[in-house]
Amino acid sequence: MKSKVIEIAPYVYQVGGGRLSDSEDCMVYLVAAEGASCLIDTGAGGSVARIIENISYSGLKLDDIKTIIATHGHIDHIGGLPAFKDILGAKLIAHKLELPAIEEGRPELTAAAWYGIRYKGVIVDRVLSGDETVMVGELALHCVHTPGHTPGSIAVYVDIDGQRILFGQDIHGPFTKEWGSDKAQWQDSMQKLLALEADVLCEGHFGIYSPASAVRDYIQGYIRRLGR
C-alpha cells in the first residue's frame, strides 16, 4: 500500500500541503505519539477530507488526534479548523494575539479574501501567552512565540531520538501592516529559531530541510534577503 503521507522522522509526518493536498494549503504536519497525536495547522479548508484520507490510508489513527496547534491566523493555516474540530473533537491551541483572527475571523487578519474563502471563527481551547510546552503523549512540543509575520505567530519544536525537529512555518513572510507584521520582531524571532539549532526544519510552504546546516542556511538566507 502506497503511503499518502511523508514520514519526516519517527512520529513526525507531513499529511497535507505540497503534493499531498490542495495547492492553497500550507504544509500540514502530524506528530503521532503513542495514543495521542497533534495536528499542526489545518490547511485552507478545501481539502479536509483528503487530509483525513491521507492520515487514515497511511495507517495512522485519526482518533488519536487530541490536539491541534494553529501557528498563526492566516486562512491557509486555519481554514480547516472548523471542520477538523468538529470531526476530531480535538482541543485547539494558539497564541492570544491570534484570537482576533482565529476566534473572531476578522478578514483583514485572516487574509481569507486572498483565497476567496469564507471562514467561521472557532474557539481556542488553550490560549498561549508566551513560550509554553504542550504534552502529546510522552512527547513534549515546545511552542515558541515568534512574532513578526503576525503578532501571535508561534513555532513548535520537539526532540525525538536525539534530533530536534522544528515546525518553523512561515519563516519566509510575507509582511503587511494590515496583519500587524513587524520585520524587526521577525528578525529577533529568526535569531530565536537559529539558537534552537534544529536538525530538521518543517517549513510552512517550502518543504522540509535537514541536516542542521541546511536549516541554518535556510533561515539565514531569509534574514539576509528580508532583513531591515
N, C-alpha and C. Protein backbone atom coordinates (compact mmCIF):
# COMPACT_ATOMS: atom_id res chain seq x y z
N MET A 1 0.85 -1.20 0.00
CA MET A 1 0.00 0.00 0.00
C MET A 1 0.88 1.25 0.00
N LYS A 2 0.70 2.13 -0.96
CA LYS A 2 1.49 3.35 -1.06
C LYS A 2 0.99 4.38 -0.05
N SER A 3 1.90 4.90 0.74
CA SER A 3 1.52 5.88 1.76
C SER A 3 1.14 7.20 1.12
N LYS A 4 0.20 7.89 1.75
CA LYS A 4 -0.21 9.21 1.30
C LYS A 4 0.30 10.30 2.24
N VAL A 5 1.27 9.94 3.07
CA VAL A 5 1.92 10.92 3.94
C VAL A 5 3.43 10.78 3.75
N ILE A 6 4.15 11.77 4.25
CA ILE A 6 5.61 11.73 4.20
C ILE A 6 6.13 11.61 5.62
N GLU A 7 6.88 10.54 5.90
CA GLU A 7 7.48 10.38 7.22
C GLU A 7 8.76 11.21 7.27
N ILE A 8 8.80 12.16 8.19
CA ILE A 8 9.92 13.08 8.31
C ILE A 8 10.94 12.55 9.32
N ALA A 9 10.44 12.00 10.39
CA ALA A 9 11.24 11.45 11.48
C ALA A 9 10.32 10.50 12.24
N PRO A 10 10.85 9.69 13.15
CA PRO A 10 9.94 8.88 13.96
C PRO A 10 8.86 9.74 14.61
N TYR A 11 7.61 9.36 14.41
CA TYR A 11 6.44 10.02 14.99
C TYR A 11 6.05 11.33 14.30
N VAL A 12 6.77 11.74 13.28
CA VAL A 12 6.53 13.04 12.65
C VAL A 12 6.25 12.87 11.16
N TYR A 13 5.12 13.43 10.69
CA TYR A 13 4.67 13.23 9.32
C TYR A 13 4.16 14.54 8.71
N GLN A 14 4.32 14.65 7.41
CA GLN A 14 3.58 15.65 6.65
C GLN A 14 2.35 14.96 6.10
N VAL A 15 1.16 15.52 6.36
CA VAL A 15 -0.08 14.88 5.94
C VAL A 15 -0.87 15.73 4.96
N GLY A 16 -0.46 16.98 4.76
CA GLY A 16 -1.14 17.87 3.83
C GLY A 16 -0.20 18.93 3.33
N GLY A 17 -0.65 19.66 2.32
CA GLY A 17 0.17 20.67 1.69
C GLY A 17 1.11 20.05 0.67
N GLY A 18 1.72 20.91 -0.15
CA GLY A 18 2.58 20.38 -1.20
C GLY A 18 1.77 19.52 -2.15
N ARG A 19 2.31 18.37 -2.50
CA ARG A 19 1.62 17.47 -3.43
C ARG A 19 0.58 16.59 -2.72
N LEU A 20 0.45 16.73 -1.39
CA LEU A 20 -0.44 15.85 -0.63
C LEU A 20 -1.86 16.36 -0.54
N SER A 21 -2.09 17.65 -0.85
CA SER A 21 -3.45 18.20 -0.80
C SER A 21 -3.50 19.43 -1.69
N ASP A 22 -4.49 20.28 -1.50
CA ASP A 22 -4.69 21.44 -2.37
C ASP A 22 -3.49 22.39 -2.33
N SER A 23 -3.27 23.05 -3.46
CA SER A 23 -2.16 23.99 -3.56
C SER A 23 -2.33 25.19 -2.64
N GLU A 24 -3.57 25.49 -2.23
CA GLU A 24 -3.81 26.62 -1.32
C GLU A 24 -3.40 26.33 0.11
N ASP A 25 -3.19 25.06 0.44
CA ASP A 25 -2.88 24.68 1.81
C ASP A 25 -1.44 25.00 2.18
N CYS A 26 -1.24 25.39 3.43
CA CYS A 26 0.09 25.36 3.99
C CYS A 26 0.50 23.91 4.17
N MET A 27 1.73 23.69 4.57
CA MET A 27 2.14 22.34 4.95
C MET A 27 1.44 21.98 6.25
N VAL A 28 0.82 20.81 6.27
CA VAL A 28 0.11 20.33 7.45
C VAL A 28 0.89 19.15 8.02
N TYR A 29 1.24 19.24 9.29
CA TYR A 29 2.09 18.23 9.91
C TYR A 29 1.35 17.52 11.04
N LEU A 30 1.77 16.28 11.30
CA LEU A 30 1.19 15.48 12.37
C LEU A 30 2.31 14.91 13.22
N VAL A 31 2.22 15.12 14.53
CA VAL A 31 3.10 14.45 15.48
C VAL A 31 2.28 13.36 16.14
N ALA A 32 2.65 12.11 15.92
CA ALA A 32 1.83 10.97 16.33
C ALA A 32 2.53 10.17 17.41
N ALA A 33 2.26 10.53 18.66
CA ALA A 33 2.80 9.79 19.80
C ALA A 33 1.89 8.59 20.07
N GLU A 34 2.32 7.73 20.98
CA GLU A 34 1.53 6.55 21.31
C GLU A 34 0.22 6.96 21.98
N GLY A 35 -0.90 6.75 21.29
CA GLY A 35 -2.20 7.02 21.86
C GLY A 35 -2.63 8.47 21.85
N ALA A 36 -1.79 9.36 21.35
CA ALA A 36 -2.13 10.78 21.32
C ALA A 36 -1.35 11.44 20.20
N SER A 37 -2.05 12.22 19.38
CA SER A 37 -1.41 12.88 18.25
C SER A 37 -1.80 14.35 18.21
N CYS A 38 -0.99 15.14 17.52
CA CYS A 38 -1.22 16.57 17.39
C CYS A 38 -1.09 16.98 15.94
N LEU A 39 -2.09 17.69 15.44
CA LEU A 39 -2.07 18.25 14.10
C LEU A 39 -1.54 19.68 14.20
N ILE A 40 -0.56 20.01 13.38
CA ILE A 40 -0.01 21.36 13.36
C ILE A 40 -0.47 22.04 12.09
N ASP A 41 -1.41 22.98 12.26
CA ASP A 41 -2.12 23.69 11.19
C ASP A 41 -3.04 22.74 10.42
N THR A 42 -3.96 23.34 9.64
CA THR A 42 -5.03 22.53 9.05
C THR A 42 -5.27 22.78 7.57
N GLY A 43 -4.48 23.65 6.94
CA GLY A 43 -4.74 23.98 5.55
C GLY A 43 -5.88 24.98 5.42
N ALA A 44 -6.22 25.30 4.17
CA ALA A 44 -7.19 26.35 3.88
C ALA A 44 -8.64 25.91 4.03
N GLY A 45 -8.88 24.61 4.13
CA GLY A 45 -10.23 24.12 4.39
C GLY A 45 -10.85 23.31 3.28
N GLY A 46 -10.37 23.47 2.05
CA GLY A 46 -10.97 22.75 0.94
C GLY A 46 -10.55 21.30 0.82
N SER A 47 -9.53 20.91 1.56
CA SER A 47 -9.02 19.55 1.42
C SER A 47 -9.03 18.78 2.74
N VAL A 48 -9.93 19.15 3.64
CA VAL A 48 -10.03 18.44 4.92
C VAL A 48 -10.26 16.94 4.69
N ALA A 49 -11.18 16.60 3.80
CA ALA A 49 -11.47 15.19 3.54
C ALA A 49 -10.24 14.46 3.01
N ARG A 50 -9.49 15.13 2.16
CA ARG A 50 -8.30 14.50 1.59
C ARG A 50 -7.22 14.30 2.66
N ILE A 51 -7.04 15.26 3.53
CA ILE A 51 -6.05 15.12 4.60
C ILE A 51 -6.44 13.98 5.54
N ILE A 52 -7.73 13.91 5.86
CA ILE A 52 -8.21 12.80 6.70
C ILE A 52 -7.98 11.46 6.00
N GLU A 53 -8.22 11.43 4.70
CA GLU A 53 -7.97 10.21 3.94
C GLU A 53 -6.48 9.85 3.97
N ASN A 54 -5.63 10.86 3.81
CA ASN A 54 -4.19 10.62 3.86
C ASN A 54 -3.79 9.95 5.17
N ILE A 55 -4.30 10.52 6.28
CA ILE A 55 -3.96 10.00 7.60
C ILE A 55 -4.45 8.57 7.77
N SER A 56 -5.71 8.34 7.44
CA SER A 56 -6.31 7.02 7.63
C SER A 56 -5.69 5.97 6.72
N TYR A 57 -5.47 6.34 5.46
CA TYR A 57 -4.93 5.41 4.46
C TYR A 57 -3.53 4.95 4.84
N SER A 58 -2.80 5.82 5.52
CA SER A 58 -1.42 5.52 5.87
C SER A 58 -1.28 4.74 7.16
N GLY A 59 -2.41 4.39 7.77
CA GLY A 59 -2.37 3.56 8.96
C GLY A 59 -2.22 4.33 10.26
N LEU A 60 -2.22 5.66 10.18
CA LEU A 60 -2.18 6.48 11.39
C LEU A 60 -3.60 6.58 11.96
N LYS A 61 -3.71 6.69 13.26
CA LYS A 61 -5.01 6.64 13.91
C LYS A 61 -5.61 8.03 14.04
N LEU A 62 -6.69 8.23 13.32
CA LEU A 62 -7.39 9.52 13.34
C LEU A 62 -7.91 9.83 14.74
N ASP A 63 -8.40 8.80 15.44
CA ASP A 63 -8.99 9.01 16.76
C ASP A 63 -7.97 9.44 17.80
N ASP A 64 -6.69 9.26 17.50
CA ASP A 64 -5.65 9.66 18.45
C ASP A 64 -5.36 11.16 18.43
N ILE A 65 -5.89 11.87 17.43
CA ILE A 65 -5.59 13.30 17.32
C ILE A 65 -6.44 14.06 18.34
N LYS A 66 -5.79 14.42 19.43
CA LYS A 66 -6.48 15.10 20.54
C LYS A 66 -6.22 16.60 20.55
N THR A 67 -5.22 17.03 19.78
CA THR A 67 -4.76 18.42 19.86
C THR A 67 -4.51 18.97 18.47
N ILE A 68 -4.86 20.23 18.26
CA ILE A 68 -4.50 20.98 17.06
C ILE A 68 -3.78 22.24 17.49
N ILE A 69 -2.62 22.49 16.92
CA ILE A 69 -1.91 23.75 17.16
C ILE A 69 -2.01 24.60 15.91
N ALA A 70 -2.49 25.82 16.08
CA ALA A 70 -2.52 26.78 14.97
C ALA A 70 -1.33 27.72 15.14
N THR A 71 -0.43 27.70 14.17
CA THR A 71 0.79 28.51 14.31
C THR A 71 0.50 30.00 14.14
N HIS A 72 -0.53 30.35 13.38
CA HIS A 72 -0.99 31.74 13.28
C HIS A 72 -2.32 31.76 12.54
N GLY A 73 -2.91 32.96 12.40
CA GLY A 73 -4.30 33.04 11.98
C GLY A 73 -4.57 33.27 10.51
N HIS A 74 -3.64 32.96 9.63
CA HIS A 74 -3.92 33.12 8.20
C HIS A 74 -4.73 31.94 7.67
N ILE A 75 -5.58 32.22 6.71
CA ILE A 75 -6.58 31.26 6.28
C ILE A 75 -6.00 29.97 5.73
N ASP A 76 -4.82 30.03 5.11
CA ASP A 76 -4.22 28.81 4.58
C ASP A 76 -3.72 27.89 5.69
N HIS A 77 -3.71 28.39 6.92
CA HIS A 77 -3.33 27.60 8.09
C HIS A 77 -4.53 27.22 8.96
N ILE A 78 -5.59 28.03 8.93
CA ILE A 78 -6.71 27.81 9.86
C ILE A 78 -8.04 27.51 9.17
N GLY A 79 -8.09 27.55 7.84
CA GLY A 79 -9.36 27.36 7.15
C GLY A 79 -10.02 26.03 7.45
N GLY A 80 -9.20 25.01 7.74
CA GLY A 80 -9.75 23.70 8.05
C GLY A 80 -10.13 23.50 9.50
N LEU A 81 -9.89 24.51 10.34
CA LEU A 81 -10.15 24.34 11.78
C LEU A 81 -11.59 23.98 12.11
N PRO A 82 -12.60 24.70 11.57
CA PRO A 82 -13.97 24.35 11.95
C PRO A 82 -14.31 22.89 11.68
N ALA A 83 -13.92 22.39 10.51
CA ALA A 83 -14.23 21.01 10.16
C ALA A 83 -13.43 20.03 11.01
N PHE A 84 -12.13 20.27 11.17
CA PHE A 84 -11.31 19.35 11.93
C PHE A 84 -11.74 19.29 13.39
N LYS A 85 -12.07 20.44 13.99
CA LYS A 85 -12.53 20.43 15.38
C LYS A 85 -13.83 19.66 15.52
N ASP A 86 -14.70 19.83 14.55
CA ASP A 86 -15.99 19.13 14.59
C ASP A 86 -15.80 17.62 14.43
N ILE A 87 -14.96 17.22 13.50
CA ILE A 87 -14.75 15.80 13.20
C ILE A 87 -13.96 15.10 14.30
N LEU A 88 -12.91 15.75 14.77
CA LEU A 88 -12.00 15.11 15.71
C LEU A 88 -12.35 15.36 17.17
N GLY A 89 -13.04 16.47 17.45
CA GLY A 89 -13.27 16.84 18.84
C GLY A 89 -11.98 17.22 19.56
N ALA A 90 -10.99 17.64 18.79
CA ALA A 90 -9.68 17.95 19.35
C ALA A 90 -9.68 19.35 19.97
N LYS A 91 -8.76 19.57 20.91
CA LYS A 91 -8.60 20.87 21.54
C LYS A 91 -7.65 21.72 20.72
N LEU A 92 -8.01 22.98 20.54
CA LEU A 92 -7.23 23.90 19.73
C LEU A 92 -6.35 24.77 20.62
N ILE A 93 -5.09 24.90 20.20
CA ILE A 93 -4.12 25.72 20.92
C ILE A 93 -3.59 26.80 19.99
N ALA A 94 -3.54 28.04 20.47
CA ALA A 94 -3.00 29.14 19.68
C ALA A 94 -2.60 30.26 20.63
N HIS A 95 -1.82 31.21 20.10
CA HIS A 95 -1.38 32.35 20.90
C HIS A 95 -2.51 33.37 21.04
N LYS A 96 -2.53 34.07 22.17
CA LYS A 96 -3.61 35.02 22.46
C LYS A 96 -3.69 36.15 21.43
N LEU A 97 -2.56 36.52 20.84
CA LEU A 97 -2.57 37.62 19.87
C LEU A 97 -3.17 37.21 18.53
N GLU A 98 -3.43 35.93 18.34
CA GLU A 98 -4.10 35.45 17.12
C GLU A 98 -5.60 35.25 17.30
N LEU A 99 -6.12 35.51 18.49
CA LEU A 99 -7.56 35.30 18.73
C LEU A 99 -8.45 36.16 17.83
N PRO A 100 -8.10 37.42 17.55
CA PRO A 100 -8.96 38.19 16.65
C PRO A 100 -9.11 37.55 15.27
N ALA A 101 -8.08 36.86 14.82
CA ALA A 101 -8.17 36.15 13.54
C ALA A 101 -8.89 34.82 13.70
N ILE A 102 -8.45 34.00 14.65
CA ILE A 102 -8.95 32.63 14.76
C ILE A 102 -10.37 32.57 15.32
N GLU A 103 -10.64 33.33 16.38
CA GLU A 103 -11.96 33.27 17.01
C GLU A 103 -12.95 34.22 16.36
N GLU A 104 -12.50 35.44 16.07
CA GLU A 104 -13.42 36.44 15.50
C GLU A 104 -13.48 36.37 13.99
N GLY A 105 -12.48 35.78 13.37
CA GLY A 105 -12.46 35.66 11.91
C GLY A 105 -12.34 36.98 11.19
N ARG A 106 -11.64 37.95 11.78
CA ARG A 106 -11.53 39.26 11.15
C ARG A 106 -10.81 39.13 9.81
N PRO A 107 -11.49 39.50 8.71
CA PRO A 107 -10.96 39.19 7.38
C PRO A 107 -9.65 39.88 7.04
N GLU A 108 -9.41 41.05 7.62
CA GLU A 108 -8.14 41.72 7.32
C GLU A 108 -6.97 40.99 7.97
N LEU A 109 -7.26 40.16 8.98
CA LEU A 109 -6.23 39.40 9.67
C LEU A 109 -6.07 37.98 9.12
N THR A 110 -7.16 37.38 8.70
CA THR A 110 -7.09 36.01 8.17
C THR A 110 -6.62 35.97 6.72
N ALA A 111 -6.74 37.09 6.01
CA ALA A 111 -6.44 37.15 4.57
C ALA A 111 -7.32 36.19 3.77
N ALA A 112 -8.52 35.93 4.28
CA ALA A 112 -9.43 34.99 3.62
C ALA A 112 -9.80 35.45 2.21
N ALA A 113 -9.89 36.76 2.01
CA ALA A 113 -10.28 37.27 0.69
C ALA A 113 -9.24 36.94 -0.37
N TRP A 114 -7.99 36.79 0.04
CA TRP A 114 -6.94 36.42 -0.92
C TRP A 114 -7.24 35.07 -1.57
N TYR A 115 -7.95 34.22 -0.83
CA TYR A 115 -8.22 32.86 -1.29
C TYR A 115 -9.68 32.66 -1.70
N GLY A 116 -10.50 33.70 -1.54
CA GLY A 116 -11.91 33.57 -1.85
C GLY A 116 -12.63 32.61 -0.92
N ILE A 117 -12.22 32.60 0.35
CA ILE A 117 -12.75 31.63 1.32
C ILE A 117 -13.53 32.37 2.40
N ARG A 118 -14.65 31.80 2.81
CA ARG A 118 -15.38 32.30 3.97
C ARG A 118 -14.97 31.47 5.18
N TYR A 119 -14.60 32.15 6.23
CA TYR A 119 -14.12 31.46 7.43
C TYR A 119 -15.02 31.78 8.60
N LYS A 120 -15.42 30.74 9.31
CA LYS A 120 -16.22 30.90 10.52
C LYS A 120 -15.30 30.67 11.71
N GLY A 121 -15.20 31.65 12.57
CA GLY A 121 -14.30 31.57 13.71
C GLY A 121 -14.58 30.40 14.63
N VAL A 122 -13.52 29.91 15.29
CA VAL A 122 -13.65 28.81 16.24
C VAL A 122 -13.00 29.22 17.56
N ILE A 123 -13.46 28.62 18.64
CA ILE A 123 -12.94 28.93 19.97
C ILE A 123 -11.61 28.22 20.19
N VAL A 124 -10.65 28.96 20.72
CA VAL A 124 -9.36 28.38 21.09
C VAL A 124 -9.48 27.83 22.51
N ASP A 125 -9.14 26.58 22.69
CA ASP A 125 -9.33 25.92 23.99
C ASP A 125 -8.20 26.22 24.97
N ARG A 126 -7.00 26.34 24.44
CA ARG A 126 -5.86 26.69 25.30
C ARG A 126 -5.16 27.88 24.66
N VAL A 127 -5.15 28.98 25.37
CA VAL A 127 -4.59 30.22 24.86
C VAL A 127 -3.18 30.40 25.43
N LEU A 128 -2.21 30.53 24.54
CA LEU A 128 -0.83 30.72 24.94
C LEU A 128 -0.54 32.21 25.10
N SER A 129 0.30 32.53 26.07
CA SER A 129 0.68 33.93 26.26
C SER A 129 2.18 34.14 26.13
N GLY A 130 2.91 33.07 25.97
CA GLY A 130 4.36 33.14 25.82
C GLY A 130 4.88 31.81 25.32
N ASP A 131 6.08 31.45 25.72
CA ASP A 131 6.64 30.15 25.36
C ASP A 131 6.11 29.10 26.33
N GLU A 132 5.45 28.08 25.80
CA GLU A 132 4.84 27.06 26.65
C GLU A 132 5.05 25.68 26.02
N THR A 133 4.86 24.65 26.84
CA THR A 133 5.04 23.27 26.39
C THR A 133 3.70 22.55 26.37
N VAL A 134 3.47 21.82 25.30
CA VAL A 134 2.25 21.03 25.13
C VAL A 134 2.67 19.56 25.11
N MET A 135 2.09 18.76 26.00
CA MET A 135 2.40 17.33 26.02
C MET A 135 1.48 16.59 25.07
N VAL A 136 2.08 15.79 24.21
CA VAL A 136 1.34 14.92 23.29
C VAL A 136 1.82 13.50 23.58
N GLY A 137 1.02 12.77 24.36
CA GLY A 137 1.52 11.51 24.87
C GLY A 137 2.75 11.79 25.72
N GLU A 138 3.86 11.11 25.43
CA GLU A 138 5.10 11.33 26.16
C GLU A 138 6.01 12.34 25.47
N LEU A 139 5.56 12.91 24.36
CA LEU A 139 6.38 13.87 23.63
C LEU A 139 6.06 15.31 24.08
N ALA A 140 7.10 16.10 24.29
CA ALA A 140 6.94 17.50 24.69
C ALA A 140 7.08 18.38 23.45
N LEU A 141 6.00 19.05 23.08
CA LEU A 141 6.02 20.00 21.98
C LEU A 141 6.17 21.40 22.57
N HIS A 142 7.28 22.03 22.25
CA HIS A 142 7.59 23.34 22.81
C HIS A 142 7.11 24.42 21.84
N CYS A 143 6.20 25.25 22.29
CA CYS A 143 5.65 26.33 21.48
C CYS A 143 6.40 27.62 21.81
N VAL A 144 6.99 28.21 20.79
CA VAL A 144 7.84 29.38 20.95
C VAL A 144 7.19 30.57 20.25
N HIS A 145 6.96 31.63 20.98
CA HIS A 145 6.35 32.83 20.39
C HIS A 145 7.36 33.48 19.45
N THR A 146 6.98 33.61 18.18
CA THR A 146 7.88 34.14 17.15
C THR A 146 7.16 35.24 16.35
N PRO A 147 6.88 36.38 16.98
CA PRO A 147 6.16 37.45 16.28
C PRO A 147 6.98 38.00 15.12
N GLY A 148 6.26 38.59 14.18
CA GLY A 148 6.90 39.21 13.03
C GLY A 148 6.04 39.07 11.79
N HIS A 149 5.81 37.84 11.36
CA HIS A 149 4.88 37.58 10.25
C HIS A 149 3.48 38.03 10.67
N THR A 150 3.06 37.59 11.85
CA THR A 150 1.88 38.11 12.54
C THR A 150 2.26 38.28 14.01
N PRO A 151 1.47 39.05 14.78
CA PRO A 151 1.85 39.30 16.18
C PRO A 151 1.91 38.04 17.04
N GLY A 152 1.04 37.07 16.77
CA GLY A 152 0.98 35.88 17.62
C GLY A 152 1.51 34.63 16.97
N SER A 153 2.34 34.78 15.96
CA SER A 153 2.93 33.59 15.32
C SER A 153 3.71 32.77 16.34
N ILE A 154 3.62 31.45 16.20
CA ILE A 154 4.43 30.56 17.03
C ILE A 154 5.13 29.54 16.14
N ALA A 155 6.28 29.09 16.61
CA ALA A 155 6.96 27.93 16.06
C ALA A 155 6.87 26.83 17.11
N VAL A 156 7.05 25.60 16.67
CA VAL A 156 6.95 24.45 17.57
C VAL A 156 8.17 23.56 17.34
N TYR A 157 8.76 23.06 18.42
CA TYR A 157 9.82 22.07 18.21
C TYR A 157 9.65 20.91 19.18
N VAL A 158 10.19 19.75 18.75
CA VAL A 158 10.12 18.54 19.54
C VAL A 158 11.44 17.79 19.39
N ASP A 159 11.92 17.22 20.46
CA ASP A 159 13.16 16.44 20.45
C ASP A 159 12.80 14.96 20.46
N ILE A 160 13.24 14.25 19.41
CA ILE A 160 12.94 12.83 19.26
C ILE A 160 14.19 12.09 18.83
N ASP A 161 14.56 11.08 19.60
CA ASP A 161 15.70 10.22 19.25
C ASP A 161 16.95 11.02 18.89
N GLY A 162 17.24 12.03 19.70
CA GLY A 162 18.45 12.81 19.50
C GLY A 162 18.37 13.85 18.39
N GLN A 163 17.19 13.99 17.78
CA GLN A 163 17.00 15.00 16.74
C GLN A 163 16.03 16.07 17.22
N ARG A 164 16.31 17.31 16.87
CA ARG A 164 15.38 18.40 17.15
C ARG A 164 14.65 18.76 15.86
N ILE A 165 13.33 18.59 15.87
CA ILE A 165 12.50 18.88 14.70
C ILE A 165 11.75 20.18 14.98
N LEU A 166 11.91 21.13 14.08
CA LEU A 166 11.33 22.46 14.24
C LEU A 166 10.25 22.70 13.18
N PHE A 167 9.06 23.03 13.64
CA PHE A 167 7.98 23.44 12.76
C PHE A 167 8.00 24.97 12.74
N GLY A 168 8.79 25.52 11.82
CA GLY A 168 9.02 26.95 11.79
C GLY A 168 7.91 27.72 11.10
N GLN A 169 7.16 27.02 10.26
CA GLN A 169 6.08 27.57 9.46
C GLN A 169 6.54 28.78 8.65
N ASP A 170 5.86 29.91 8.66
CA ASP A 170 6.10 30.92 7.63
C ASP A 170 7.32 31.80 7.90
N ILE A 171 8.48 31.17 7.91
CA ILE A 171 9.75 31.86 8.07
C ILE A 171 9.94 32.89 6.96
N HIS A 172 9.42 32.59 5.79
CA HIS A 172 9.63 33.40 4.59
C HIS A 172 8.75 34.66 4.53
N GLY A 173 7.91 34.91 5.52
CA GLY A 173 6.97 36.01 5.43
C GLY A 173 5.71 35.56 4.70
N PRO A 174 5.04 36.46 3.99
CA PRO A 174 5.33 37.88 3.74
C PRO A 174 4.89 38.76 4.91
N PHE A 175 5.00 40.08 4.69
CA PHE A 175 4.72 41.04 5.75
C PHE A 175 3.79 42.14 5.22
N THR A 176 2.74 42.45 5.98
CA THR A 176 1.90 43.60 5.67
C THR A 176 1.48 44.27 6.98
N LYS A 177 1.30 45.58 6.94
CA LYS A 177 0.85 46.31 8.13
C LYS A 177 -0.54 45.87 8.55
N GLU A 178 -1.36 45.49 7.56
CA GLU A 178 -2.74 45.09 7.85
C GLU A 178 -2.79 43.92 8.83
N TRP A 179 -1.82 43.01 8.73
CA TRP A 179 -1.78 41.85 9.64
C TRP A 179 -1.07 42.16 10.95
N GLY A 180 -0.44 43.33 11.03
CA GLY A 180 0.37 43.63 12.19
C GLY A 180 1.78 43.08 12.08
N SER A 181 2.25 42.87 10.84
CA SER A 181 3.60 42.37 10.65
C SER A 181 4.63 43.37 11.17
N ASP A 182 5.76 42.83 11.61
CA ASP A 182 6.82 43.67 12.14
C ASP A 182 8.16 43.01 11.82
N LYS A 183 8.90 43.60 10.89
CA LYS A 183 10.15 42.98 10.45
C LYS A 183 11.23 42.95 11.54
N ALA A 184 11.25 43.96 12.39
CA ALA A 184 12.23 43.96 13.48
C ALA A 184 11.96 42.79 14.43
N GLN A 185 10.68 42.61 14.78
CA GLN A 185 10.32 41.46 15.62
C GLN A 185 10.65 40.15 14.92
N TRP A 186 10.37 40.11 13.62
CA TRP A 186 10.65 38.89 12.84
C TRP A 186 12.13 38.54 12.89
N GLN A 187 13.00 39.53 12.75
CA GLN A 187 14.44 39.25 12.80
C GLN A 187 14.84 38.69 14.16
N ASP A 188 14.28 39.26 15.23
CA ASP A 188 14.56 38.72 16.56
C ASP A 188 14.05 37.28 16.68
N SER A 189 12.88 37.03 16.10
CA SER A 189 12.31 35.68 16.14
C SER A 189 13.18 34.69 15.37
N MET A 190 13.73 35.13 14.24
CA MET A 190 14.59 34.23 13.46
C MET A 190 15.87 33.90 14.22
N GLN A 191 16.40 34.87 14.97
CA GLN A 191 17.56 34.59 15.80
C GLN A 191 17.20 33.56 16.90
N LYS A 192 15.99 33.68 17.41
CA LYS A 192 15.50 32.73 18.40
C LYS A 192 15.46 31.31 17.81
N LEU A 193 15.00 31.20 16.57
CA LEU A 193 14.95 29.89 15.92
C LEU A 193 16.36 29.36 15.63
N LEU A 194 17.25 30.22 15.20
CA LEU A 194 18.63 29.78 14.95
C LEU A 194 19.26 29.22 16.23
N ALA A 195 18.95 29.86 17.36
CA ALA A 195 19.54 29.43 18.63
C ALA A 195 19.07 28.04 19.05
N LEU A 196 17.96 27.57 18.49
CA LEU A 196 17.46 26.23 18.81
C LEU A 196 18.32 25.14 18.19
N GLU A 197 19.08 25.49 17.15
CA GLU A 197 19.98 24.54 16.47
C GLU A 197 19.23 23.26 16.06
N ALA A 198 18.13 23.45 15.36
CA ALA A 198 17.30 22.31 14.93
C ALA A 198 18.02 21.47 13.88
N ASP A 199 17.75 20.18 13.90
CA ASP A 199 18.30 19.26 12.92
C ASP A 199 17.42 19.15 11.69
N VAL A 200 16.12 19.39 11.87
CA VAL A 200 15.15 19.30 10.77
C VAL A 200 14.22 20.50 10.87
N LEU A 201 13.99 21.16 9.74
CA LEU A 201 13.03 22.25 9.68
C LEU A 201 11.85 21.84 8.81
N CYS A 202 10.65 21.91 9.38
CA CYS A 202 9.41 21.71 8.63
C CYS A 202 8.82 23.11 8.40
N GLU A 203 8.99 23.62 7.20
CA GLU A 203 8.59 24.99 6.89
C GLU A 203 7.13 25.03 6.48
N GLY A 204 6.56 26.24 6.43
CA GLY A 204 5.12 26.39 6.21
C GLY A 204 4.66 26.14 4.80
N HIS A 205 5.53 26.39 3.82
CA HIS A 205 5.12 26.25 2.42
C HIS A 205 6.18 25.66 1.52
N PHE A 206 7.44 25.73 1.93
CA PHE A 206 8.53 25.42 1.01
C PHE A 206 9.33 24.20 1.38
N GLY A 207 8.73 23.27 2.13
CA GLY A 207 9.34 21.97 2.29
C GLY A 207 10.05 21.73 3.59
N ILE A 208 10.85 20.66 3.58
CA ILE A 208 11.50 20.13 4.77
C ILE A 208 13.01 20.17 4.53
N TYR A 209 13.73 20.69 5.53
CA TYR A 209 15.17 20.92 5.37
C TYR A 209 15.94 20.19 6.47
N SER A 210 17.01 19.52 6.08
CA SER A 210 17.95 18.88 7.01
C SER A 210 19.24 18.64 6.23
N PRO A 211 20.37 18.49 6.89
CA PRO A 211 20.60 18.46 8.33
C PRO A 211 20.63 19.87 8.93
N ALA A 212 21.23 19.98 10.11
CA ALA A 212 21.23 21.26 10.83
C ALA A 212 21.83 22.39 10.01
N SER A 213 22.85 22.10 9.21
CA SER A 213 23.48 23.14 8.39
C SER A 213 22.51 23.69 7.36
N ALA A 214 21.65 22.82 6.80
CA ALA A 214 20.66 23.28 5.81
C ALA A 214 19.57 24.11 6.48
N VAL A 215 19.20 23.74 7.71
CA VAL A 215 18.22 24.52 8.47
C VAL A 215 18.77 25.93 8.72
N ARG A 216 20.00 25.98 9.18
CA ARG A 216 20.64 27.27 9.46
C ARG A 216 20.75 28.12 8.20
N ASP A 217 21.17 27.49 7.10
CA ASP A 217 21.32 28.23 5.85
C ASP A 217 19.98 28.78 5.35
N TYR A 218 18.92 28.00 5.52
CA TYR A 218 17.60 28.43 5.07
C TYR A 218 17.15 29.67 5.84
N ILE A 219 17.26 29.62 7.16
CA ILE A 219 16.81 30.76 7.98
C ILE A 219 17.70 31.97 7.73
N GLN A 220 18.99 31.77 7.70
CA GLN A 220 19.90 32.89 7.47
C GLN A 220 19.70 33.51 6.09
N GLY A 221 19.35 32.68 5.12
CA GLY A 221 19.10 33.20 3.78
C GLY A 221 17.96 34.19 3.74
N TYR A 222 16.90 33.91 4.51
CA TYR A 222 15.78 34.86 4.56
C TYR A 222 16.12 36.09 5.39
N ILE A 223 16.94 35.93 6.40
CA ILE A 223 17.37 37.10 7.17
C ILE A 223 18.14 38.06 6.25
N ARG A 224 19.03 37.52 5.44
CA ARG A 224 19.79 38.36 4.51
C ARG A 224 18.89 39.01 3.46
N ARG A 225 17.90 38.25 2.98
CA ARG A 225 17.04 38.72 1.90
C ARG A 225 16.01 39.74 2.38
N LEU A 226 15.47 39.53 3.58
CA LEU A 226 14.32 40.32 4.02
C LEU A 226 14.63 41.27 5.17
N GLY A 227 15.79 41.15 5.75
CA GLY A 227 16.12 41.95 6.93
C GLY A 227 16.15 43.43 6.64
N ARG A 228 15.99 44.20 7.69
CA ARG A 228 15.93 45.67 7.56
C ARG A 228 17.28 46.26 7.18
